[in-house]
Amino acid sequence: MTTRKHDEIVKDIKVILAEKVEPNVAAHNGSIGFINFASDTGVATLKLSGACSGCAMSKKTLHEGVERLLKHYVPEVNGIIGEDDEQAAEQGYKPFIPRDERDV
């Protein structure tokens, strides 16, 4: 059980996203931002925007990269959930559909 306040944890999550995640995903025209942190479960909800929204590699990036970083630097984080930006389609980004599942 942590003795840190919710606001402190959220601040640390945002700092890690800004300093360690954003520069890498921005290089690929993407963005991963903070939505929420549930103190009771330790789950951080993140928003995938730009090229990250609907990207086939976003789940791998989230769980093998971002989640590992957050768990390391913010021990209260037990897991993450990624949500695609609902406005991504308006920006020209479409969810990835594997070739064998497309209507050709």
PDB file of N, CA and C in Angstrom:
ATOM      1  N   MET A   1       0.843  -1.184   0.000  1.00  0.00           N
ATOM      2  CA  MET A   1       0.000   0.000   0.000  1.00  0.00           C
ATOM      3  C   MET A   1       0.881   1.238   0.000  1.00  0.00           C
ATOM      4  N   THR A   2       0.567   2.161  -0.864  1.00  0.00           N
ATOM      5  CA  THR A   2       1.359   3.379  -0.970  1.00  0.00           C
ATOM      6  C   THR A   2       0.864   4.455  -0.017  1.00  0.00           C
ATOM      7  N   THR A   3       1.775   5.295   0.379  1.00  0.00           N
ATOM      8  CA  THR A   3       1.405   6.421   1.231  1.00  0.00           C
ATOM      9  C   THR A   3       1.376   7.721   0.422  1.00  0.00           C
ATOM     10  N   ARG A   4       1.720   7.606  -0.853  1.00  0.00           N
ATOM     11  CA  ARG A   4       1.719   8.809  -1.694  1.00  0.00           C
ATOM     12  C   ARG A   4       0.300   9.177  -2.114  1.00  0.00           C
ATOM     13  N   LYS A   5       0.092  10.467  -2.288  1.00  0.00           N
ATOM     14  CA  LYS A   5      -1.215  10.964  -2.689  1.00  0.00           C
ATOM     15  C   LYS A   5      -1.426  10.755  -4.191  1.00  0.00           C
ATOM     16  N   HIS A   6      -2.695  10.644  -4.549  1.00  0.00           N
ATOM     17  CA  HIS A   6      -3.093  10.443  -5.938  1.00  0.00           C
ATOM     18  C   HIS A   6      -2.466  11.503  -6.849  1.00  0.00           C
ATOM     19  N   ASP A   7      -2.505  12.758  -6.427  1.00  0.00           N
ATOM     20  CA  ASP A   7      -1.967  13.850  -7.245  1.00  0.00           C
ATOM     21  C   ASP A   7      -0.471  13.690  -7.505  1.00  0.00           C
ATOM     22  N   GLU A   8       0.267  13.193  -6.527  1.00  0.00           N
ATOM     23  CA  GLU A   8       1.709  12.969  -6.697  1.00  0.00           C
ATOM     24  C   GLU A   8       1.967  11.877  -7.739  1.00  0.00           C
ATOM     25  N   ILE A   9       1.194  10.820  -7.663  1.00  0.00           N
ATOM     26  CA  ILE A   9       1.344   9.708  -8.601  1.00  0.00           C
ATOM     27  C   ILE A   9       1.022  10.169 -10.018  1.00  0.00           C
ATOM     28  N   VAL A  10      -0.080  10.891 -10.169  1.00  0.00           N
ATOM     29  CA  VAL A  10      -0.477  11.405 -11.487  1.00  0.00           C
ATOM     30  C   VAL A  10       0.605  12.323 -12.044  1.00  0.00           C
ATOM     31  N   LYS A  11       1.147  13.186 -11.210  1.00  0.00           N
ATOM     32  CA  LYS A  11       2.215  14.082 -11.653  1.00  0.00           C
ATOM     33  C   LYS A  11       3.404  13.286 -12.176  1.00  0.00           C
ATOM     34  N   ASP A  12       3.803  12.237 -11.456  1.00  0.00           N
ATOM     35  CA  ASP A  12       4.930  11.409 -11.888  1.00  0.00           C
ATOM     36  C   ASP A  12       4.635  10.689 -13.201  1.00  0.00           C
ATOM     37  N   ILE A  13       3.416  10.189 -13.352  1.00  0.00           N
ATOM     38  CA  ILE A  13       3.035   9.528 -14.607  1.00  0.00           C
ATOM     39  C   ILE A  13       3.164  10.512 -15.767  1.00  0.00           C
ATOM     40  N   LYS A  14       2.643  11.721 -15.584  1.00  0.00           N
ATOM     41  CA  LYS A  14       2.693  12.732 -16.645  1.00  0.00           C
ATOM     42  C   LYS A  14       4.126  13.123 -16.989  1.00  0.00           C
ATOM     43  N   VAL A  15       4.985  13.209 -15.990  1.00  0.00           N
ATOM     44  CA  VAL A  15       6.392  13.554 -16.229  1.00  0.00           C
ATOM     45  C   VAL A  15       7.074  12.459 -17.050  1.00  0.00           C
ATOM     46  N   ILE A  16       6.849  11.206 -16.693  1.00  0.00           N
ATOM     47  CA  ILE A  16       7.460  10.094 -17.436  1.00  0.00           C
ATOM     48  C   ILE A  16       6.941  10.084 -18.870  1.00  0.00           C
ATOM     49  N   LEU A  17       5.649  10.294 -19.058  1.00  0.00           N
ATOM     50  CA  LEU A  17       5.100  10.338 -20.412  1.00  0.00           C
ATOM     51  C   LEU A  17       5.733  11.470 -21.216  1.00  0.00           C
ATOM     52  N   ALA A  18       5.857  12.636 -20.609  1.00  0.00           N
ATOM     53  CA  ALA A  18       6.402  13.803 -21.312  1.00  0.00           C
ATOM     54  C   ALA A  18       7.891  13.657 -21.613  1.00  0.00           C
ATOM     55  N   GLU A  19       8.645  13.152 -20.663  1.00  0.00           N
ATOM     56  CA  GLU A  19      10.101  13.119 -20.818  1.00  0.00           C
ATOM     57  C   GLU A  19      10.630  11.864 -21.506  1.00  0.00           C
ATOM     58  N   LYS A  20       9.998  10.727 -21.283  1.00  0.00           N
ATOM     59  CA  LYS A  20      10.562   9.476 -21.771  1.00  0.00           C
ATOM     60  C   LYS A  20       9.755   8.820 -22.891  1.00  0.00           C
ATOM     61  N   VAL A  21       8.469   9.136 -22.999  1.00  0.00           N
ATOM     62  CA  VAL A  21       7.627   8.497 -24.009  1.00  0.00           C
ATOM     63  C   VAL A  21       7.364   9.408 -25.198  1.00  0.00           C
ATOM     64  N   GLU A  22       6.914  10.623 -24.922  1.00  0.00           N
ATOM     65  CA  GLU A  22       6.521  11.542 -25.991  1.00  0.00           C
ATOM     66  C   GLU A  22       7.587  11.746 -27.074  1.00  0.00           C
ATOM     67  N   PRO A  23       8.843  11.981 -26.711  1.00  0.00           N
ATOM     68  CA  PRO A  23       9.841  12.202 -27.771  1.00  0.00           C
ATOM     69  C   PRO A  23       9.948  11.028 -28.747  1.00  0.00           C
ATOM     70  N   ASN A  24       9.808   9.817 -28.250  1.00  0.00           N
ATOM     71  CA  ASN A  24       9.911   8.640 -29.107  1.00  0.00           C
ATOM     72  C   ASN A  24       8.699   8.469 -30.014  1.00  0.00           C
ATOM     73  N   VAL A  25       7.507   8.606 -29.468  1.00  0.00           N
ATOM     74  CA  VAL A  25       6.324   8.420 -30.309  1.00  0.00           C
ATOM     75  C   VAL A  25       6.099   9.622 -31.224  1.00  0.00           C
ATOM     76  N   ALA A  26       6.550  10.803 -30.813  1.00  0.00           N
ATOM     77  CA  ALA A  26       6.425  11.993 -31.664  1.00  0.00           C
ATOM     78  C   ALA A  26       7.257  11.845 -32.932  1.00  0.00           C
ATOM     79  N   ALA A  27       8.349  11.116 -32.836  1.00  0.00           N
ATOM     80  CA  ALA A  27       9.190  10.876 -34.011  1.00  0.00           C
ATOM     81  C   ALA A  27       8.440  10.083 -35.081  1.00  0.00           C
ATOM     82  N   HIS A  28       7.358   9.423 -34.685  1.00  0.00           N
ATOM     83  CA  HIS A  28       6.535   8.644 -35.612  1.00  0.00           C
ATOM     84  C   HIS A  28       5.164   9.296 -35.809  1.00  0.00           C
ATOM     85  N   ASN A  29       5.085  10.592 -35.524  1.00  0.00           N
ATOM     86  CA  ASN A  29       3.848  11.375 -35.659  1.00  0.00           C
ATOM     87  C   ASN A  29       2.721  10.888 -34.756  1.00  0.00           C
ATOM     88  N   GLY A  30       3.093  10.364 -33.601  1.00  0.00           N
ATOM     89  CA  GLY A  30       2.093   9.896 -32.656  1.00  0.00           C
ATOM     90  C   GLY A  30       2.182  10.643 -31.343  1.00  0.00           C
ATOM     91  N   SER A  31       1.257  10.317 -30.462  1.00  0.00           N
ATOM     92  CA  SER A  31       1.227  10.930 -29.143  1.00  0.00           C
ATOM     93  C   SER A  31       0.547   9.968 -28.174  1.00  0.00           C
ATOM     94  N   ILE A  32       1.080   9.881 -26.971  1.00  0.00           N
ATOM     95  CA  ILE A  32       0.465   9.087 -25.915  1.00  0.00           C
ATOM     96  C   ILE A  32       0.326  10.003 -24.709  1.00  0.00           C
ATOM     97  N   GLY A  33      -0.909  10.272 -24.335  1.00  0.00           N
ATOM     98  CA  GLY A  33      -1.165  11.201 -23.237  1.00  0.00           C
ATOM     99  C   GLY A  33      -1.924  10.554 -22.098  1.00  0.00           C
ATOM    100  N   PHE A  34      -1.989  11.257 -21.003  1.00  0.00           N
ATOM    101  CA  PHE A  34      -2.643  10.788 -19.782  1.00  0.00           C
ATOM    102  C   PHE A  34      -4.140  11.058 -19.823  1.00  0.00           C
ATOM    103  N   ILE A  35      -4.920  10.064 -19.409  1.00  0.00           N
ATOM    104  CA  ILE A  35      -6.363  10.258 -19.227  1.00  0.00           C
ATOM    105  C   ILE A  35      -6.712  10.149 -17.745  1.00  0.00           C
ATOM    106  N   ASN A  36      -6.308   9.033 -17.105  1.00  0.00           N
ATOM    107  CA  ASN A  36      -6.750   8.787 -15.741  1.00  0.00           C
ATOM    108  C   ASN A  36      -5.816   7.794 -15.053  1.00  0.00           C
ATOM    109  N   PHE A  37      -5.796   7.860 -13.723  1.00  0.00           N
ATOM    110  CA  PHE A  37      -5.122   6.838 -12.924  1.00  0.00           C
ATOM    111  C   PHE A  37      -6.067   6.405 -11.819  1.00  0.00           C
ATOM    112  N   ALA A  38      -6.345   5.109 -11.756  1.00  0.00           N
ATOM    113  CA  ALA A  38      -7.221   4.555 -10.722  1.00  0.00           C
ATOM    114  C   ALA A  38      -6.358   4.046  -9.573  1.00  0.00           C
ATOM    115  N   SER A  39      -6.368   4.756  -8.476  1.00  0.00           N
ATOM    116  CA  SER A  39      -5.539   4.392  -7.321  1.00  0.00           C
ATOM    117  C   SER A  39      -5.890   3.027  -6.760  1.00  0.00           C
ATOM    118  N   ASP A  40      -7.157   2.649  -6.829  1.00  0.00           N
ATOM    119  CA  ASP A  40      -7.575   1.375  -6.237  1.00  0.00           C
ATOM    120  C   ASP A  40      -7.046   0.160  -7.000  1.00  0.00           C
ATOM    121  N   THR A  41      -6.843   0.290  -8.309  1.00  0.00           N
ATOM    122  CA  THR A  41      -6.344  -0.833  -9.111  1.00  0.00           C
ATOM    123  C   THR A  41      -4.912  -0.637  -9.583  1.00  0.00           C
ATOM    124  N   GLY A  42      -4.443   0.605  -9.582  1.00  0.00           N
ATOM    125  CA  GLY A  42      -3.107   0.897 -10.085  1.00  0.00           C
ATOM    126  C   GLY A  42      -3.037   0.945 -11.593  1.00  0.00           C
ATOM    127  N   VAL A  43      -4.181   1.125 -12.242  1.00  0.00           N
ATOM    128  CA  VAL A  43      -4.226   1.130 -13.705  1.00  0.00           C
ATOM    129  C   VAL A  43      -4.282   2.561 -14.223  1.00  0.00           C
ATOM    130  N   ALA A  44      -3.352   2.860 -15.135  1.00  0.00           N
ATOM    131  CA  ALA A  44      -3.328   4.158 -15.803  1.00  0.00           C
ATOM    132  C   ALA A  44      -3.985   4.010 -17.170  1.00  0.00           C
ATOM    133  N   THR A  45      -4.872   4.932 -17.499  1.00  0.00           N
ATOM    134  CA  THR A  45      -5.515   4.940 -18.808  1.00  0.00           C
ATOM    135  C   THR A  45      -4.851   6.036 -19.629  1.00  0.00           C
ATOM    136  N   LEU A  46      -4.394   5.655 -20.821  1.00  0.00           N
ATOM    137  CA  LEU A  46      -3.654   6.565 -21.688  1.00  0.00           C
ATOM    138  C   LEU A  46      -4.365   6.732 -23.015  1.00  0.00           C
ATOM    139  N   LYS A  47      -4.196   7.908 -23.605  1.00  0.00           N
ATOM    140  CA  LYS A  47      -4.837   8.229 -24.879  1.00  0.00           C
ATOM    141  C   LYS A  47      -3.814   8.141 -26.002  1.00  0.00           C
ATOM    142  N   LEU A  48      -4.134   7.354 -27.024  1.00  0.00           N
ATOM    143  CA  LEU A  48      -3.282   7.203 -28.202  1.00  0.00           C
ATOM    144  C   LEU A  48      -3.808   8.136 -29.281  1.00  0.00           C
ATOM    145  N   SER A  49      -2.985   9.089 -29.696  1.00  0.00           N
ATOM    146  CA  SER A  49      -3.400  10.067 -30.686  1.00  0.00           C
ATOM    147  C   SER A  49      -2.449  10.071 -31.872  1.00  0.00           C
ATOM    148  N   GLY A  50      -2.856  10.785 -32.911  1.00  0.00           N
ATOM    149  CA  GLY A  50      -2.022  10.880 -34.104  1.00  0.00           C
ATOM    150  C   GLY A  50      -1.829   9.513 -34.720  1.00  0.00           C
ATOM    151  N   ALA A  51      -0.621   9.238 -35.169  1.00  0.00           N
ATOM    152  CA  ALA A  51      -0.336   7.963 -35.818  1.00  0.00           C
ATOM    153  C   ALA A  51      -0.460   6.783 -34.866  1.00  0.00           C
ATOM    154  N   CYS A  52      -0.440   7.018 -33.555  1.00  0.00           N
ATOM    155  CA  CYS A  52      -0.578   5.924 -32.577  1.00  0.00           C
ATOM    156  C   CYS A  52      -2.010   5.400 -32.522  1.00  0.00           C
ATOM    157  N   SER A  53      -2.970   6.254 -32.826  1.00  0.00           N
ATOM    158  CA  SER A  53      -4.369   5.859 -32.759  1.00  0.00           C
ATOM    159  C   SER A  53      -4.664   4.870 -33.886  1.00  0.00           C
ATOM    160  N   GLY A  54      -5.018   3.664 -33.507  1.00  0.00           N
ATOM    161  CA  GLY A  54      -5.343   2.638 -34.485  1.00  0.00           C
ATOM    162  C   GLY A  54      -4.136   1.928 -35.061  1.00  0.00           C
ATOM    163  N   CYS A  55      -2.953   2.279 -34.638  1.00  0.00           N
ATOM    164  CA  CYS A  55      -1.728   1.652 -35.153  1.00  0.00           C
ATOM    165  C   CYS A  55      -1.640   0.203 -34.676  1.00  0.00           C
ATOM    166  N   ALA A  56      -1.260  -0.673 -35.579  1.00  0.00           N
ATOM    167  CA  ALA A  56      -1.145  -2.090 -35.243  1.00  0.00           C
ATOM    168  C   ALA A  56      -0.081  -2.343 -34.182  1.00  0.00           C
ATOM    169  N   MET A  57       0.933  -1.503 -34.132  1.00  0.00           N
ATOM    170  CA  MET A  57       2.015  -1.690 -33.171  1.00  0.00           C
ATOM    171  C   MET A  57       1.762  -1.003 -31.833  1.00  0.00           C
ATOM    172  N   SER A  58       0.674  -0.255 -31.717  1.00  0.00           N
ATOM    173  CA  SER A  58       0.451   0.526 -30.498  1.00  0.00           C
ATOM    174  C   SER A  58       0.313  -0.348 -29.256  1.00  0.00           C
ATOM    175  N   LYS A  59      -0.347  -1.488 -29.355  1.00  0.00           N
ATOM    176  CA  LYS A  59      -0.495  -2.353 -28.184  1.00  0.00           C
ATOM    177  C   LYS A  59       0.858  -2.895 -27.741  1.00  0.00           C
ATOM    178  N   LYS A  60       1.688  -3.257 -28.699  1.00  0.00           N
ATOM    179  CA  LYS A  60       3.026  -3.748 -28.370  1.00  0.00           C
ATOM    180  C   LYS A  60       3.846  -2.634 -27.723  1.00  0.00           C
ATOM    181  N   THR A  61       3.799  -1.454 -28.313  1.00  0.00           N
ATOM    182  CA  THR A  61       4.514  -0.301 -27.766  1.00  0.00           C
ATOM    183  C   THR A  61       4.039  -0.003 -26.354  1.00  0.00           C
ATOM    184  N   LEU A  62       2.727  -0.022 -26.152  1.00  0.00           N
ATOM    185  CA  LEU A  62       2.163   0.278 -24.836  1.00  0.00           C
ATOM    186  C   LEU A  62       2.634  -0.712 -23.779  1.00  0.00           C
ATOM    187  N   HIS A  63       2.510  -1.987 -24.072  1.00  0.00           N
ATOM    188  CA  HIS A  63       2.769  -2.978 -23.036  1.00  0.00           C
ATOM    189  C   HIS A  63       4.233  -3.375 -22.893  1.00  0.00           C
ATOM    190  N   GLU A  64       4.992  -3.300 -23.955  1.00  0.00           N
ATOM    191  CA  GLU A  64       6.399  -3.668 -23.844  1.00  0.00           C
ATOM    192  C   GLU A  64       7.295  -2.467 -23.565  1.00  0.00           C
ATOM    193  N   GLY A  65       6.803  -1.280 -23.843  1.00  0.00           N
ATOM    194  CA  GLY A  65       7.608  -0.088 -23.630  1.00  0.00           C
ATOM    195  C   GLY A  65       7.059   0.828 -22.557  1.00  0.00           C
ATOM    196  N   VAL A  66       5.906   1.392 -22.827  1.00  0.00           N
ATOM    197  CA  VAL A  66       5.321   2.394 -21.942  1.00  0.00           C
ATOM    198  C   VAL A  66       4.968   1.803 -20.578  1.00  0.00           C
ATOM    199  N   GLU A  67       4.317   0.650 -20.576  1.00  0.00           N
ATOM    200  CA  GLU A  67       3.932   0.044 -19.293  1.00  0.00           C
ATOM    201  C   GLU A  67       5.172  -0.290 -18.460  1.00  0.00           C
ATOM    202  N   ARG A  68       6.184  -0.836 -19.109  1.00  0.00           N
ATOM    203  CA  ARG A  68       7.421  -1.182 -18.403  1.00  0.00           C
ATOM    204  C   ARG A  68       8.056   0.069 -17.792  1.00  0.00           C
ATOM    205  N   LEU A  69       8.106   1.158 -18.546  1.00  0.00           N
ATOM    206  CA  LEU A  69       8.670   2.413 -18.026  1.00  0.00           C
ATOM    207  C   LEU A  69       7.886   2.932 -16.829  1.00  0.00           C
ATOM    208  N   LEU A  70       6.559   2.983 -16.998  1.00  0.00           N
ATOM    209  CA  LEU A  70       5.732   3.515 -15.909  1.00  0.00           C
ATOM    210  C   LEU A  70       5.846   2.666 -14.648  1.00  0.00           C
ATOM    211  N   LYS A  71       5.842   1.351 -14.795  1.00  0.00           N
ATOM    212  CA  LYS A  71       5.966   0.477 -13.626  1.00  0.00           C
ATOM    213  C   LYS A  71       7.321   0.673 -12.937  1.00  0.00           C
ATOM    214  N   HIS A  72       8.342   0.914 -13.729  1.00  0.00           N
ATOM    215  CA  HIS A  72       9.681   1.106 -13.168  1.00  0.00           C
ATOM    216  C   HIS A  72       9.780   2.419 -12.383  1.00  0.00           C
ATOM    217  N   TYR A  73       9.328   3.513 -13.003  1.00  0.00           N
ATOM    218  CA  TYR A  73       9.486   4.835 -12.393  1.00  0.00           C
ATOM    219  C   TYR A  73       8.367   5.216 -11.427  1.00  0.00           C
ATOM    220  N   VAL A  74       7.205   4.608 -11.595  1.00  0.00           N
ATOM    221  CA  VAL A  74       6.055   4.915 -10.738  1.00  0.00           C
ATOM    222  C   VAL A  74       5.527   3.574 -10.216  1.00  0.00           C
ATOM    223  N   PRO A  75       6.065   3.101  -9.097  1.00  0.00           N
ATOM    224  CA  PRO A  75       5.740   1.757  -8.617  1.00  0.00           C
ATOM    225  C   PRO A  75       4.257   1.512  -8.317  1.00  0.00           C
ATOM    226  N   GLU A  76       3.489   2.566  -8.176  1.00  0.00           N
ATOM    227  CA  GLU A  76       2.051   2.402  -7.925  1.00  0.00           C
ATOM    228  C   GLU A  76       1.304   1.934  -9.176  1.00  0.00           C
ATOM    229  N   VAL A  77       1.917   2.065 -10.345  1.00  0.00           N
ATOM    230  CA  VAL A  77       1.283   1.636 -11.594  1.00  0.00           C
ATOM    231  C   VAL A  77       1.419   0.115 -11.719  1.00  0.00           C
ATOM    232  N   ASN A  78       0.271  -0.557 -11.815  1.00  0.00           N
ATOM    233  CA  ASN A  78       0.231  -2.011 -11.980  1.00  0.00           C
ATOM    234  C   ASN A  78      -0.041  -2.430 -13.417  1.00  0.00           C
ATOM    235  N   GLY A  79      -0.581  -1.516 -14.210  1.00  0.00           N
ATOM    236  CA  GLY A  79      -0.915  -1.827 -15.592  1.00  0.00           C
ATOM    237  C   GLY A  79      -1.415  -0.585 -16.294  1.00  0.00           C
ATOM    238  N   ILE A  80      -1.605  -0.720 -17.603  1.00  0.00           N
ATOM    239  CA  ILE A  80      -2.131   0.412 -18.377  1.00  0.00           C
ATOM    240  C   ILE A  80      -3.201  -0.059 -19.351  1.00  0.00           C
ATOM    241  N   ILE A  81      -4.044   0.870 -19.723  1.00  0.00           N
ATOM    242  CA  ILE A  81      -5.067   0.668 -20.743  1.00  0.00           C
ATOM    243  C   ILE A  81      -4.875   1.782 -21.757  1.00  0.00           C
ATOM    244  N   GLY A  82      -4.860   1.433 -23.024  1.00  0.00           N
ATOM    245  CA  GLY A  82      -4.753   2.431 -24.085  1.00  0.00           C
ATOM    246  C   GLY A  82      -6.085   2.619 -24.772  1.00  0.00           C
ATOM    247  N   GLU A  83      -6.462   3.874 -24.966  1.00  0.00           N
ATOM    248  CA  GLU A  83      -7.701   4.197 -25.673  1.00  0.00           C
ATOM    249  C   GLU A  83      -7.347   5.047 -26.884  1.00  0.00           C
ATOM    250  N   ASP A  84      -7.872   4.645 -28.058  1.00  0.00           N
ATOM    251  CA  ASP A  84      -7.625   5.413 -29.271  1.00  0.00           C
ATOM    252  C   ASP A  84      -8.361   6.747 -29.210  1.00  0.00           C
ATOM    253  N   ASP A  85      -7.733   7.754 -29.765  1.00  0.00           N
ATOM    254  CA  ASP A  85      -8.326   9.077 -29.872  1.00  0.00           C
ATOM    255  C   ASP A  85      -9.536   8.986 -30.795  1.00  0.00           C
ATOM    256  N   GLU A  86     -10.699   9.347 -30.294  1.00  0.00           N
ATOM    257  CA  GLU A  86     -11.926   9.261 -31.091  1.00  0.00           C
ATOM    258  C   GLU A  86     -11.907  10.191 -32.290  1.00  0.00           C
ATOM    259  N   GLN A  87     -11.083  11.220 -32.257  1.00  0.00           N
ATOM    260  CA  GLN A  87     -11.021  12.175 -33.360  1.00  0.00           C
ATOM    261  C   GLN A  87      -9.936  11.829 -34.372  1.00  0.00           C
ATOM    262  N   ALA A  88      -9.270  10.690 -34.196  1.00  0.00           N
ATOM    263  CA  ALA A  88      -8.185  10.321 -35.092  1.00  0.00           C
ATOM    264  C   ALA A  88      -8.667  10.167 -36.535  1.00  0.00           C
ATOM    265  N   ALA A  89      -9.862   9.621 -36.713  1.00  0.00           N
ATOM    266  CA  ALA A  89     -10.395   9.437 -38.063  1.00  0.00           C
ATOM    267  C   ALA A  89     -10.555  10.783 -38.767  1.00  0.00           C
ATOM    268  N   GLU A  90     -10.940  11.807 -38.005  1.00  0.00           N
ATOM    269  CA  GLU A  90     -11.088  13.148 -38.580  1.00  0.00           C
ATOM    270  C   GLU A  90      -9.745  13.708 -39.023  1.00  0.00           C
ATOM    271  N   GLN A  91      -8.668  13.209 -38.415  1.00  0.00           N
ATOM    272  CA  GLN A  91      -7.323  13.668 -38.747  1.00  0.00           C
ATOM    273  C   GLN A  91      -6.692  12.817 -39.841  1.00  0.00           C
ATOM    274  N   GLY A  92      -7.461  11.843 -40.358  1.00  0.00           N
ATOM    275  CA  GLY A  92      -6.964  11.018 -41.451  1.00  0.00           C
ATOM    276  C   GLY A  92      -6.386   9.684 -41.037  1.00  0.00           C
ATOM    277  N   TYR A  93      -6.425   9.351 -39.755  1.00  0.00           N
ATOM    278  CA  TYR A  93      -5.890   8.072 -39.284  1.00  0.00           C
ATOM    279  C   TYR A  93      -7.013   7.055 -39.193  1.00  0.00           C
ATOM    280  N   LYS A  94      -6.735   5.861 -39.687  1.00  0.00           N
ATOM    281  CA  LYS A  94      -7.716   4.788 -39.660  1.00  0.00           C
ATOM    282  C   LYS A  94      -7.131   3.595 -38.920  1.00  0.00           C
ATOM    283  N   PRO A  95      -7.971   2.828 -38.232  1.00  0.00           N
ATOM    284  CA  PRO A  95      -7.465   1.640 -37.551  1.00  0.00           C
ATOM    285  C   PRO A  95      -6.859   0.663 -38.554  1.00  0.00           C
ATOM    286  N   PHE A  96      -5.820  -0.018 -38.138  1.00  0.00           N
ATOM    287  CA  PHE A  96      -5.178  -1.016 -38.978  1.00  0.00           C
ATOM    288  C   PHE A  96      -6.063  -2.247 -39.068  1.00  0.00           C
ATOM    289  N   ILE A  97      -6.269  -2.730 -40.276  1.00  0.00           N
ATOM    290  CA  ILE A  97      -7.016  -3.959 -40.496  1.00  0.00           C
ATOM    291  C   ILE A  97      -6.097  -4.894 -41.267  1.00  0.00           C
ATOM    292  N   PRO A  98      -5.785  -6.066 -40.706  1.00  0.00           N
ATOM    293  CA  PRO A  98      -4.910  -7.000 -41.418  1.00  0.00           C
ATOM    294  C   PRO A  98      -5.456  -7.357 -42.795  1.00  0.00           C
ATOM    295  N   ARG A  99      -4.569  -7.577 -43.724  1.00  0.00           N
ATOM    296  CA  ARG A  99      -4.951  -7.851 -45.117  1.00  0.00           C
ATOM    297  C   ARG A  99      -5.972  -8.974 -45.232  1.00  0.00           C
ATOM    298  N   ASP A 100      -5.822 -10.044 -44.466  1.00  0.00           N
ATOM    299  CA  ASP A 100      -6.734 -11.177 -44.571  1.00  0.00           C
ATOM    300  C   ASP A 100      -8.126 -10.900 -43.999  1.00  0.00           C
ATOM    301  N   GLU A 101      -8.290  -9.764 -43.328  1.00  0.00           N
ATOM    302  CA  GLU A 101      -9.603  -9.414 -42.774  1.00  0.00           C
ATOM    303  C   GLU A 101     -10.297  -8.293 -43.561  1.00  0.00           C
ATOM    304  N   ARG A 102      -9.600  -7.746 -44.554  1.00  0.00           N
ATOM    305  CA  ARG A 102     -10.160  -6.639 -45.344  1.00  0.00           C
ATOM    306  C   ARG A 102     -11.124  -7.172 -46.404  1.00  0.00           C
ATOM    307  N   ASP A 103     -12.098  -6.346 -46.725  1.00  0.00           N
ATOM    308  CA  ASP A 103     -12.963  -6.637 -47.878  1.00  0.00           C
ATOM    309  C   ASP A 103     -12.218  -6.171 -49.110  1.00  0.00           C
ATOM    310  N   VAL A 104     -11.722  -7.113 -49.863  1.00  0.00           N
ATOM    311  CA  VAL A 104     -10.901  -6.769 -51.039  1.00  0.00           C
ATOM    312  C   VAL A 104     -11.728  -6.865 -52.283  1.00  0.00           C
TER     313      VAL A 104
END
